[in-house]
């Protein structure tokens, strides 16, 4: 789910430690994250080329029908905004994947 909060909304809390943030005091960072599925052209093997493309297309369509529009879009593109306090930001920016 996209986080659409704005730094002027109140109250704001750090998305990592939940401390209250105060706009205008310079005590937090706004981090915008954009994730895009692999944008390079696909590679096809000889095996891929031997498959029945119509059957493969129908299989993919059936898979997509089981997903909501949002779930399908999240597999391709997602944008997220998070707010981090001045204490949490330095460790997060050095290693964003850690908790």
PDB file of N, CA and C in Angstrom:
ATOM      1  N   UNK A   1       0.846  -1.171   0.000  1.00  0.00           N
ATOM      2  CA  UNK A   1       0.000   0.000   0.000  1.00  0.00           C
ATOM      3  C   UNK A   1       0.886   1.227   0.000  1.00  0.00           C
ATOM      4  N   UNK A   2       0.577   2.185  -0.855  1.00  0.00           N
ATOM      5  CA  UNK A   2       1.388   3.395  -0.946  1.00  0.00           C
ATOM      6  C   UNK A   2       1.113   4.300   0.233  1.00  0.00           C
ATOM      7  N   UNK A   3       2.161   4.811   0.797  1.00  0.00           N
ATOM      8  CA  UNK A   3       2.071   5.738   1.915  1.00  0.00           C
ATOM      9  C   UNK A   3       1.998   7.136   1.323  1.00  0.00           C
ATOM     10  N   UNK A   4       0.886   7.825   1.499  1.00  0.00           N
ATOM     11  CA  UNK A   4       0.703   9.128   0.878  1.00  0.00           C
ATOM     12  C   UNK A   4       0.750  10.263   1.883  1.00  0.00           C
ATOM     13  N   UNK A   5       1.264   9.988   3.098  1.00  0.00           N
ATOM     14  CA  UNK A   5       1.353  11.046   4.090  1.00  0.00           C
ATOM     15  C   UNK A   5       2.230  12.164   3.572  1.00  0.00           C
ATOM     16  N   UNK A   6       1.991  13.329   4.046  1.00  0.00           N
ATOM     17  CA  UNK A   6       2.790  14.497   3.724  1.00  0.00           C
ATOM     18  C   UNK A   6       3.397  15.006   5.019  1.00  0.00           C
ATOM     19  N   UNK A   7       4.556  15.619   4.944  1.00  0.00           N
ATOM     20  CA  UNK A   7       5.242  16.099   6.140  1.00  0.00           C
ATOM     21  C   UNK A   7       4.451  17.173   6.878  1.00  0.00           C
ATOM     22  N   UNK A   8       3.421  17.749   6.256  1.00  0.00           N
ATOM     23  CA  UNK A   8       2.618  18.772   6.923  1.00  0.00           C
ATOM     24  C   UNK A   8       1.427  18.169   7.660  1.00  0.00           C
ATOM     25  N   UNK A   9       1.118  16.887   7.419  1.00  0.00           N
ATOM     26  CA  UNK A   9       0.048  16.219   8.173  1.00  0.00           C
ATOM     27  C   UNK A   9       0.498  16.098   9.623  1.00  0.00           C
ATOM     28  N   UNK A  10      -0.481  16.002  10.537  1.00  0.00           N
ATOM     29  CA  UNK A  10      -0.053  15.759  11.904  1.00  0.00           C
ATOM     30  C   UNK A  10      -0.960  14.738  12.545  1.00  0.00           C
ATOM     31  N   UNK A  11      -0.489  13.991  13.482  1.00  0.00           N
ATOM     32  CA  UNK A  11       0.918  13.933  13.874  1.00  0.00           C
ATOM     33  C   UNK A  11       1.710  13.011  12.965  1.00  0.00           C
ATOM     34  N   UNK A  12       3.012  13.180  12.962  1.00  0.00           N
ATOM     35  CA  UNK A  12       3.922  12.322  12.208  1.00  0.00           C
ATOM     36  C   UNK A  12       4.758  11.518  13.189  1.00  0.00           C
ATOM     37  N   UNK A  13       5.069  10.286  12.798  1.00  0.00           N
ATOM     38  CA  UNK A  13       5.897   9.425  13.630  1.00  0.00           C
ATOM     39  C   UNK A  13       6.953   8.770  12.766  1.00  0.00           C
ATOM     40  N   UNK A  14       8.105   8.507  13.359  1.00  0.00           N
ATOM     41  CA  UNK A  14       9.176   7.795  12.664  1.00  0.00           C
ATOM     42  C   UNK A  14       8.662   6.404  12.316  1.00  0.00           C
ATOM     43  N   UNK A  15       8.846   6.002  11.077  1.00  0.00           N
ATOM     44  CA  UNK A  15       8.372   4.686  10.636  1.00  0.00           C
ATOM     45  C   UNK A  15       9.226   3.547  11.174  1.00  0.00           C
ATOM     46  N   UNK A  16      10.299   3.864  11.859  1.00  0.00           N
ATOM     47  CA  UNK A  16      11.150   2.820  12.426  1.00  0.00           C
ATOM     48  C   UNK A  16      10.984   2.707  13.940  1.00  0.00           C
ATOM     49  N   UNK A  17      11.062   3.812  14.666  1.00  0.00           N
ATOM     50  CA  UNK A  17      10.999   3.737  16.137  1.00  0.00           C
ATOM     51  C   UNK A  17       9.732   4.350  16.721  1.00  0.00           C
ATOM     52  N   UNK A  18       8.907   4.954  15.875  1.00  0.00           N
ATOM     53  CA  UNK A  18       7.612   5.525  16.243  1.00  0.00           C
ATOM     54  C   UNK A  18       7.690   6.776  17.139  1.00  0.00           C
ATOM     55  N   UNK A  19       8.851   7.410  17.238  1.00  0.00           N
ATOM     56  CA  UNK A  19       8.943   8.662  17.985  1.00  0.00           C
ATOM     57  C   UNK A  19       8.195   9.747  17.203  1.00  0.00           C
ATOM     58  N   UNK A  20       7.582  10.666  17.904  1.00  0.00           N
ATOM     59  CA  UNK A  20       6.837  11.737  17.236  1.00  0.00           C
ATOM     60  C   UNK A  20       7.802  12.694  16.544  1.00  0.00           C
ATOM     61  N   UNK A  21       7.444  13.074  15.323  1.00  0.00           N
ATOM     62  CA  UNK A  21       8.242  14.004  14.529  1.00  0.00           C
ATOM     63  C   UNK A  21       7.541  15.349  14.482  1.00  0.00           C
ATOM     64  N   UNK A  22       8.310  16.406  14.425  1.00  0.00           N
ATOM     65  CA  UNK A  22       7.755  17.756  14.452  1.00  0.00           C
ATOM     66  C   UNK A  22       8.195  18.532  13.214  1.00  0.00           C
ATOM     67  N   UNK A  23       7.302  18.656  12.216  1.00  0.00           N
ATOM     68  CA  UNK A  23       7.646  19.391  11.009  1.00  0.00           C
ATOM     69  C   UNK A  23       8.149  20.808  11.339  1.00  0.00           C
ATOM     70  N   UNK A  24       9.163  21.209  10.606  1.00  0.00           N
ATOM     71  CA  UNK A  24       9.724  22.542  10.779  1.00  0.00           C
ATOM     72  C   UNK A  24      10.888  22.598  11.752  1.00  0.00           C
ATOM     73  N   UNK A  25      11.111  21.526  12.489  1.00  0.00           N
ATOM     74  CA  UNK A  25      12.215  21.511  13.455  1.00  0.00           C
ATOM     75  C   UNK A  25      13.468  20.837  12.901  1.00  0.00           C
ATOM     76  N   UNK A  26      13.384  20.293  11.724  1.00  0.00           N
ATOM     77  CA  UNK A  26      14.546  19.653  11.116  1.00  0.00           C
ATOM     78  C   UNK A  26      14.976  18.378  11.809  1.00  0.00           C
ATOM     79  N   UNK A  27      14.034  17.678  12.445  1.00  0.00           N
ATOM     80  CA  UNK A  27      14.404  16.482  13.204  1.00  0.00           C
ATOM     81  C   UNK A  27      14.033  15.172  12.510  1.00  0.00           C
ATOM     82  N   UNK A  28      13.760  15.225  11.208  1.00  0.00           N
ATOM     83  CA  UNK A  28      13.429  13.979  10.511  1.00  0.00           C
ATOM     84  C   UNK A  28      13.762  14.072   9.032  1.00  0.00           C
ATOM     85  N   UNK A  29      13.711  12.916   8.376  1.00  0.00           N
ATOM     86  CA  UNK A  29      13.974  12.795   6.944  1.00  0.00           C
ATOM     87  C   UNK A  29      12.751  12.194   6.268  1.00  0.00           C
ATOM     88  N   UNK A  30      12.477  12.644   5.061  1.00  0.00           N
ATOM     89  CA  UNK A  30      11.443  12.067   4.216  1.00  0.00           C
ATOM     90  C   UNK A  30      12.191  11.215   3.187  1.00  0.00           C
ATOM     91  N   UNK A  31      11.872   9.923   3.158  1.00  0.00           N
ATOM     92  CA  UNK A  31      12.549   9.000   2.253  1.00  0.00           C
ATOM     93  C   UNK A  31      11.530   8.498   1.246  1.00  0.00           C
ATOM     94  N   UNK A  32      11.827   8.694  -0.020  1.00  0.00           N
ATOM     95  CA  UNK A  32      10.936   8.217  -1.091  1.00  0.00           C
ATOM     96  C   UNK A  32      11.601   7.024  -1.761  1.00  0.00           C
ATOM     97  N   UNK A  33      10.880   5.920  -1.800  1.00  0.00           N
ATOM     98  CA  UNK A  33      11.399   4.673  -2.359  1.00  0.00           C
ATOM     99  C   UNK A  33      10.582   4.336  -3.592  1.00  0.00           C
ATOM    100  N   UNK A  34      11.273   4.016  -4.669  1.00  0.00           N
ATOM    101  CA  UNK A  34      10.610   3.614  -5.903  1.00  0.00           C
ATOM    102  C   UNK A  34      11.190   2.266  -6.326  1.00  0.00           C
ATOM    103  N   UNK A  35      10.333   1.270  -6.427  1.00  0.00           N
ATOM    104  CA  UNK A  35      10.758  -0.075  -6.820  1.00  0.00           C
ATOM    105  C   UNK A  35      10.148  -0.413  -8.180  1.00  0.00           C
ATOM    106  N   UNK A  36      10.997  -0.868  -9.094  1.00  0.00           N
ATOM    107  CA  UNK A  36      10.567  -1.202 -10.452  1.00  0.00           C
ATOM    108  C   UNK A  36      11.063  -2.607 -10.771  1.00  0.00           C
ATOM    109  N   UNK A  37      10.175  -3.440 -11.295  1.00  0.00           N
ATOM    110  CA  UNK A  37      10.586  -4.791 -11.697  1.00  0.00           C
ATOM    111  C   UNK A  37      11.667  -4.691 -12.768  1.00  0.00           C
ATOM    112  N   UNK A  38      12.449  -5.714 -12.899  1.00  0.00           N
ATOM    113  CA  UNK A  38      13.561  -5.758 -13.852  1.00  0.00           C
ATOM    114  C   UNK A  38      13.145  -5.158 -15.196  1.00  0.00           C
ATOM    115  N   UNK A  39      13.727  -4.013 -15.565  1.00  0.00           N
ATOM    116  CA  UNK A  39      13.309  -3.333 -16.793  1.00  0.00           C
ATOM    117  C   UNK A  39      14.023  -3.807 -18.059  1.00  0.00           C
ATOM    118  N   UNK A  40      14.946  -4.752 -17.931  1.00  0.00           N
ATOM    119  CA  UNK A  40      15.679  -5.210 -19.112  1.00  0.00           C
ATOM    120  C   UNK A  40      14.822  -6.170 -19.932  1.00  0.00           C
ATOM    121  N   UNK A  41      15.067  -6.219 -21.237  1.00  0.00           N
ATOM    122  CA  UNK A  41      14.290  -7.149 -22.073  1.00  0.00           C
ATOM    123  C   UNK A  41      14.496  -8.588 -21.598  1.00  0.00           C
ATOM    124  N   UNK A  42      13.455  -9.406 -21.696  1.00  0.00           N
ATOM    125  CA  UNK A  42      13.586 -10.791 -21.226  1.00  0.00           C
ATOM    126  C   UNK A  42      14.536 -11.600 -22.109  1.00  0.00           C
ATOM    127  N   UNK A  43      15.148 -12.592 -21.500  1.00  0.00           N
ATOM    128  CA  UNK A  43      15.980 -13.538 -22.237  1.00  0.00           C
ATOM    129  C   UNK A  43      15.140 -14.777 -22.510  1.00  0.00           C
ATOM    130  N   UNK A  44      15.228 -15.292 -23.719  1.00  0.00           N
ATOM    131  CA  UNK A  44      14.477 -16.485 -24.083  1.00  0.00           C
ATOM    132  C   UNK A  44      15.433 -17.621 -24.405  1.00  0.00           C
ATOM    133  N   UNK A  45      15.141 -18.778 -23.844  1.00  0.00           N
ATOM    134  CA  UNK A  45      15.935 -19.971 -24.146  1.00  0.00           C
ATOM    135  C   UNK A  45      15.278 -20.707 -25.311  1.00  0.00           C
ATOM    136  N   UNK A  46      15.985 -21.667 -25.820  1.00  0.00           N
ATOM    137  CA  UNK A  46      15.425 -22.504 -26.893  1.00  0.00           C
ATOM    138  C   UNK A  46      14.165 -23.202 -26.384  1.00  0.00           C
ATOM    139  N   UNK A  47      14.192 -23.628 -25.122  1.00  0.00           N
ATOM    140  CA  UNK A  47      13.032 -24.270 -24.510  1.00  0.00           C
ATOM    141  C   UNK A  47      11.826 -23.322 -24.473  1.00  0.00           C
ATOM    142  N   UNK A  48      12.087 -22.060 -24.142  1.00  0.00           N
ATOM    143  CA  UNK A  48      11.006 -21.056 -24.127  1.00  0.00           C
ATOM    144  C   UNK A  48      10.370 -20.937 -25.507  1.00  0.00           C
ATOM    145  N   UNK A  49      11.198 -20.939 -26.539  1.00  0.00           N
ATOM    146  CA  UNK A  49      10.696 -20.775 -27.905  1.00  0.00           C
ATOM    147  C   UNK A  49       9.912 -21.990 -28.390  1.00  0.00           C
ATOM    148  N   UNK A  50      10.130 -23.145 -27.772  1.00  0.00           N
ATOM    149  CA  UNK A  50       9.423 -24.366 -28.153  1.00  0.00           C
ATOM    150  C   UNK A  50       8.032 -24.453 -27.533  1.00  0.00           C
ATOM    151  N   UNK A  51       7.774 -23.649 -26.510  1.00  0.00           N
ATOM    152  CA  UNK A  51       6.471 -23.695 -25.826  1.00  0.00           C
ATOM    153  C   UNK A  51       5.370 -23.159 -26.733  1.00  0.00           C
ATOM    154  N   UNK A  52       4.161 -23.642 -26.466  1.00  0.00           N
ATOM    155  CA  UNK A  52       2.978 -23.153 -27.166  1.00  0.00           C
ATOM    156  C   UNK A  52       2.663 -21.761 -26.611  1.00  0.00           C
ATOM    157  N   UNK A  53       2.922 -20.729 -27.382  1.00  0.00           N
ATOM    158  CA  UNK A  53       2.771 -19.353 -26.884  1.00  0.00           C
ATOM    159  C   UNK A  53       1.324 -19.027 -26.514  1.00  0.00           C
ATOM    160  N   UNK A  54       0.379 -19.570 -27.249  1.00  0.00           N
ATOM    161  CA  UNK A  54      -1.029 -19.316 -26.927  1.00  0.00           C
ATOM    162  C   UNK A  54      -1.378 -19.916 -25.560  1.00  0.00           C
ATOM    163  N   UNK A  55      -0.950 -21.136 -25.326  1.00  0.00           N
ATOM    164  CA  UNK A  55      -1.214 -21.800 -24.058  1.00  0.00           C
ATOM    165  C   UNK A  55      -0.508 -21.052 -22.914  1.00  0.00           C
ATOM    166  N   UNK A  56       0.709 -20.613 -23.151  1.00  0.00           N
ATOM    167  CA  UNK A  56       1.459 -19.870 -22.137  1.00  0.00           C
ATOM    168  C   UNK A  56       0.756 -18.540 -21.825  1.00  0.00           C
ATOM    169  N   UNK A  57       0.261 -17.875 -22.843  1.00  0.00           N
ATOM    170  CA  UNK A  57      -0.464 -16.617 -22.656  1.00  0.00           C
ATOM    171  C   UNK A  57      -1.728 -16.855 -21.824  1.00  0.00           C
ATOM    172  N   UNK A  58      -2.471 -17.882 -22.159  1.00  0.00           N
ATOM    173  CA  UNK A  58      -3.697 -18.212 -21.416  1.00  0.00           C
ATOM    174  C   UNK A  58      -3.389 -18.538 -19.953  1.00  0.00           C
ATOM    175  N   UNK A  59      -2.270 -19.228 -19.703  1.00  0.00           N
ATOM    176  CA  UNK A  59      -1.865 -19.556 -18.340  1.00  0.00           C
ATOM    177  C   UNK A  59      -1.550 -18.269 -17.560  1.00  0.00           C
ATOM    178  N   UNK A  60      -0.829 -17.354 -18.181  1.00  0.00           N
ATOM    179  CA  UNK A  60      -0.492 -16.088 -17.527  1.00  0.00           C
ATOM    180  C   UNK A  60      -1.733 -15.252 -17.245  1.00  0.00           C
ATOM    181  N   UNK A  61      -2.662 -15.223 -18.182  1.00  0.00           N
ATOM    182  CA  UNK A  61      -3.909 -14.477 -17.987  1.00  0.00           C
ATOM    183  C   UNK A  61      -4.691 -15.082 -16.822  1.00  0.00           C
ATOM    184  N   UNK A  62      -4.732 -16.396 -16.739  1.00  0.00           N
ATOM    185  CA  UNK A  62      -5.443 -17.067 -15.635  1.00  0.00           C
ATOM    186  C   UNK A  62      -4.794 -16.713 -14.295  1.00  0.00           C
ATOM    187  N   UNK A  63      -3.462 -16.655 -14.250  1.00  0.00           N
ATOM    188  CA  UNK A  63      -2.760 -16.263 -13.019  1.00  0.00           C
ATOM    189  C   UNK A  63      -3.129 -14.835 -12.624  1.00  0.00           C
ATOM    190  N   UNK A  64      -3.143 -13.948 -13.602  1.00  0.00           N
ATOM    191  CA  UNK A  64      -3.453 -12.539 -13.330  1.00  0.00           C
ATOM    192  C   UNK A  64      -4.888 -12.343 -12.873  1.00  0.00           C
ATOM    193  N   UNK A  65      -5.792 -13.157 -13.356  1.00  0.00           N
ATOM    194  CA  UNK A  65      -7.189 -13.031 -12.959  1.00  0.00           C
ATOM    195  C   UNK A  65      -7.384 -13.308 -11.474  1.00  0.00           C
ATOM    196  N   UNK A  66      -6.446 -14.020 -10.863  1.00  0.00           N
ATOM    197  CA  UNK A  66      -6.545 -14.342  -9.443  1.00  0.00           C
ATOM    198  C   UNK A  66      -6.007 -13.210  -8.571  1.00  0.00           C
ATOM    199  N   UNK A  67      -5.402 -12.207  -9.187  1.00  0.00           N
ATOM    200  CA  UNK A  67      -4.840 -11.077  -8.449  1.00  0.00           C
ATOM    201  C   UNK A  67      -5.724  -9.848  -8.570  1.00  0.00           C
ATOM    202  N   UNK A  68      -5.708  -9.023  -7.541  1.00  0.00           N
ATOM    203  CA  UNK A  68      -6.388  -7.739  -7.654  1.00  0.00           C
ATOM    204  C   UNK A  68      -5.526  -6.837  -8.540  1.00  0.00           C
ATOM    205  N   UNK A  69      -6.093  -5.743  -8.998  1.00  0.00           N
ATOM    206  CA  UNK A  69      -5.340  -4.789  -9.808  1.00  0.00           C
ATOM    207  C   UNK A  69      -4.114  -4.301  -9.034  1.00  0.00           C
ATOM    208  N   UNK A  70      -4.293  -4.037  -7.759  1.00  0.00           N
ATOM    209  CA  UNK A  70      -3.206  -3.545  -6.910  1.00  0.00           C
ATOM    210  C   UNK A  70      -2.093  -4.583  -6.765  1.00  0.00           C
ATOM    211  N   UNK A  71      -2.483  -5.853  -6.541  1.00  0.00           N
ATOM    212  CA  UNK A  71      -1.484  -6.918  -6.400  1.00  0.00           C
ATOM    213  C   UNK A  71      -0.681  -7.085  -7.690  1.00  0.00           C
ATOM    214  N   UNK A  72      -1.351  -7.006  -8.819  1.00  0.00           N
ATOM    215  CA  UNK A  72      -0.657  -7.130 -10.100  1.00  0.00           C
ATOM    216  C   UNK A  72       0.303  -5.955 -10.298  1.00  0.00           C
ATOM    217  N   UNK A  73      -0.143  -4.749  -9.986  1.00  0.00           N
ATOM    218  CA  UNK A  73       0.704  -3.573 -10.145  1.00  0.00           C
ATOM    219  C   UNK A  73       1.904  -3.620  -9.213  1.00  0.00           C
ATOM    220  N   UNK A  74       1.717  -4.096  -7.984  1.00  0.00           N
ATOM    221  CA  UNK A  74       2.816  -4.176  -7.020  1.00  0.00           C
ATOM    222  C   UNK A  74       3.928  -5.109  -7.500  1.00  0.00           C
ATOM    223  N   UNK A  75       3.619  -6.041  -8.387  1.00  0.00           N
ATOM    224  CA  UNK A  75       4.643  -6.927  -8.935  1.00  0.00           C
ATOM    225  C   UNK A  75       5.511  -6.212  -9.966  1.00  0.00           C
ATOM    226  N   UNK A  76       5.062  -5.045 -10.419  1.00  0.00           N
ATOM    227  CA  UNK A  76       5.770  -4.312 -11.466  1.00  0.00           C
ATOM    228  C   UNK A  76       6.342  -2.985 -10.959  1.00  0.00           C
ATOM    229  N   UNK A  77       5.578  -2.259 -10.157  1.00  0.00           N
ATOM    230  CA  UNK A  77       5.990  -0.926  -9.729  1.00  0.00           C
ATOM    231  C   UNK A  77       5.378  -0.594  -8.376  1.00  0.00           C
ATOM    232  N   UNK A  78       6.171   0.032  -7.537  1.00  0.00           N
ATOM    233  CA  UNK A  78       5.648   0.479  -6.249  1.00  0.00           C
ATOM    234  C   UNK A  78       6.436   1.685  -5.772  1.00  0.00           C
ATOM    235  N   UNK A  79       5.722   2.636  -5.206  1.00  0.00           N
ATOM    236  CA  UNK A  79       6.346   3.829  -4.644  1.00  0.00           C
ATOM    237  C   UNK A  79       5.889   3.953  -3.199  1.00  0.00           C
ATOM    238  N   UNK A  80       6.826   4.302  -2.323  1.00  0.00           N
ATOM    239  CA  UNK A  80       6.544   4.368  -0.904  1.00  0.00           C
ATOM    240  C   UNK A  80       7.283   5.565  -0.324  1.00  0.00           C
ATOM    241  N   UNK A  81       6.649   6.271   0.591  1.00  0.00           N
ATOM    242  CA  UNK A  81       7.288   7.365   1.309  1.00  0.00           C
ATOM    243  C   UNK A  81       7.320   6.991   2.779  1.00  0.00           C
ATOM    244  N   UNK A  82       8.514   7.092   3.380  1.00  0.00           N
ATOM    245  CA  UNK A  82       8.634   6.827   4.808  1.00  0.00           C
ATOM    246  C   UNK A  82       9.272   8.036   5.482  1.00  0.00           C
ATOM    247  N   UNK A  83       9.025   8.150   6.768  1.00  0.00           N
ATOM    248  CA  UNK A  83       9.579   9.235   7.571  1.00  0.00           C
ATOM    249  C   UNK A  83      10.483   8.616   8.634  1.00  0.00           C
ATOM    250  N   UNK A  84      11.700   9.129   8.743  1.00  0.00           N
ATOM    251  CA  UNK A  84      12.655   8.610   9.719  1.00  0.00           C
ATOM    252  C   UNK A  84      13.190   9.752  10.566  1.00  0.00           C
ATOM    253  N   UNK A  85      13.263   9.523  11.884  1.00  0.00           N
ATOM    254  CA  UNK A  85      13.808  10.535  12.779  1.00  0.00           C
ATOM    255  C   UNK A  85      15.313  10.667  12.549  1.00  0.00           C
ATOM    256  N   UNK A  86      15.886  11.743  13.042  1.00  0.00           N
ATOM    257  CA  UNK A  86      17.314  11.994  12.861  1.00  0.00           C
ATOM    258  C   UNK A  86      18.169  10.902  13.506  1.00  0.00           C
ATOM    259  N   UNK A  87      17.676  10.222  14.521  1.00  0.00           N
ATOM    260  CA  UNK A  87      18.420   9.146  15.173  1.00  0.00           C
ATOM    261  C   UNK A  87      18.394   7.859  14.333  1.00  0.00           C
ATOM    262  N   UNK A  88      17.263   7.535  13.726  1.00  0.00           N
ATOM    263  CA  UNK A  88      17.132   6.294  12.950  1.00  0.00           C
ATOM    264  C   UNK A  88      17.725   6.404  11.544  1.00  0.00           C
ATOM    265  N   UNK A  89      17.691   7.578  10.967  1.00  0.00           N
ATOM    266  CA  UNK A  89      18.115   7.751   9.579  1.00  0.00           C
ATOM    267  C   UNK A  89      19.547   7.281   9.288  1.00  0.00           C
ATOM    268  N   UNK A  90      20.560   7.678  10.081  1.00  0.00           N
ATOM    269  CA  UNK A  90      21.934   7.298   9.722  1.00  0.00           C
ATOM    270  C   UNK A  90      22.147   5.789   9.599  1.00  0.00           C
ATOM    271  N   UNK A  91      21.616   5.011  10.530  1.00  0.00           N
ATOM    272  CA  UNK A  91      21.801   3.557  10.430  1.00  0.00           C
ATOM    273  C   UNK A  91      20.968   2.977   9.299  1.00  0.00           C
ATOM    274  N   UNK A  92      19.793   3.543   9.063  1.00  0.00           N
ATOM    275  CA  UNK A  92      18.940   3.036   7.980  1.00  0.00           C
ATOM    276  C   UNK A  92      19.582   3.300   6.623  1.00  0.00           C
ATOM    277  N   UNK A  93      20.097   4.501   6.409  1.00  0.00           N
ATOM    278  CA  UNK A  93      20.641   4.853   5.089  1.00  0.00           C
ATOM    279  C   UNK A  93      21.888   4.027   4.773  1.00  0.00           C
ATOM    280  N   UNK A  94      22.640   3.618   5.798  1.00  0.00           N
ATOM    281  CA  UNK A  94      23.832   2.794   5.576  1.00  0.00           C
ATOM    282  C   UNK A  94      23.464   1.350   5.273  1.00  0.00           C
ATOM    283  N   UNK A  95      22.325   0.878   5.770  1.00  0.00           N
ATOM    284  CA  UNK A  95      21.912  -0.501   5.553  1.00  0.00           C
ATOM    285  C   UNK A  95      20.382  -0.563   5.561  1.00  0.00           C
ATOM    286  N   UNK A  96      19.729  -0.123   4.481  1.00  0.00           N
ATOM    287  CA  UNK A  96      18.267  -0.046   4.459  1.00  0.00           C
ATOM    288  C   UNK A  96      17.548  -1.385   4.614  1.00  0.00           C
ATOM    289  N   UNK A  97      18.213  -2.488   4.321  1.00  0.00           N
ATOM    290  CA  UNK A  97      17.548  -3.789   4.398  1.00  0.00           C
ATOM    291  C   UNK A  97      17.507  -4.345   5.818  1.00  0.00           C
ATOM    292  N   UNK A  98      18.285  -3.769   6.743  1.00  0.00           N
ATOM    293  CA  UNK A  98      18.303  -4.304   8.106  1.00  0.00           C
ATOM    294  C   UNK A  98      17.113  -3.763   8.892  1.00  0.00           C
ATOM    295  N   UNK A  99      16.794  -4.456   9.950  1.00  0.00           N
ATOM    296  CA  UNK A  99      15.680  -4.030  10.819  1.00  0.00           C
ATOM    297  C   UNK A  99      16.228  -3.514  12.094  1.00  0.00           C
TER     298      UNK A  99
END
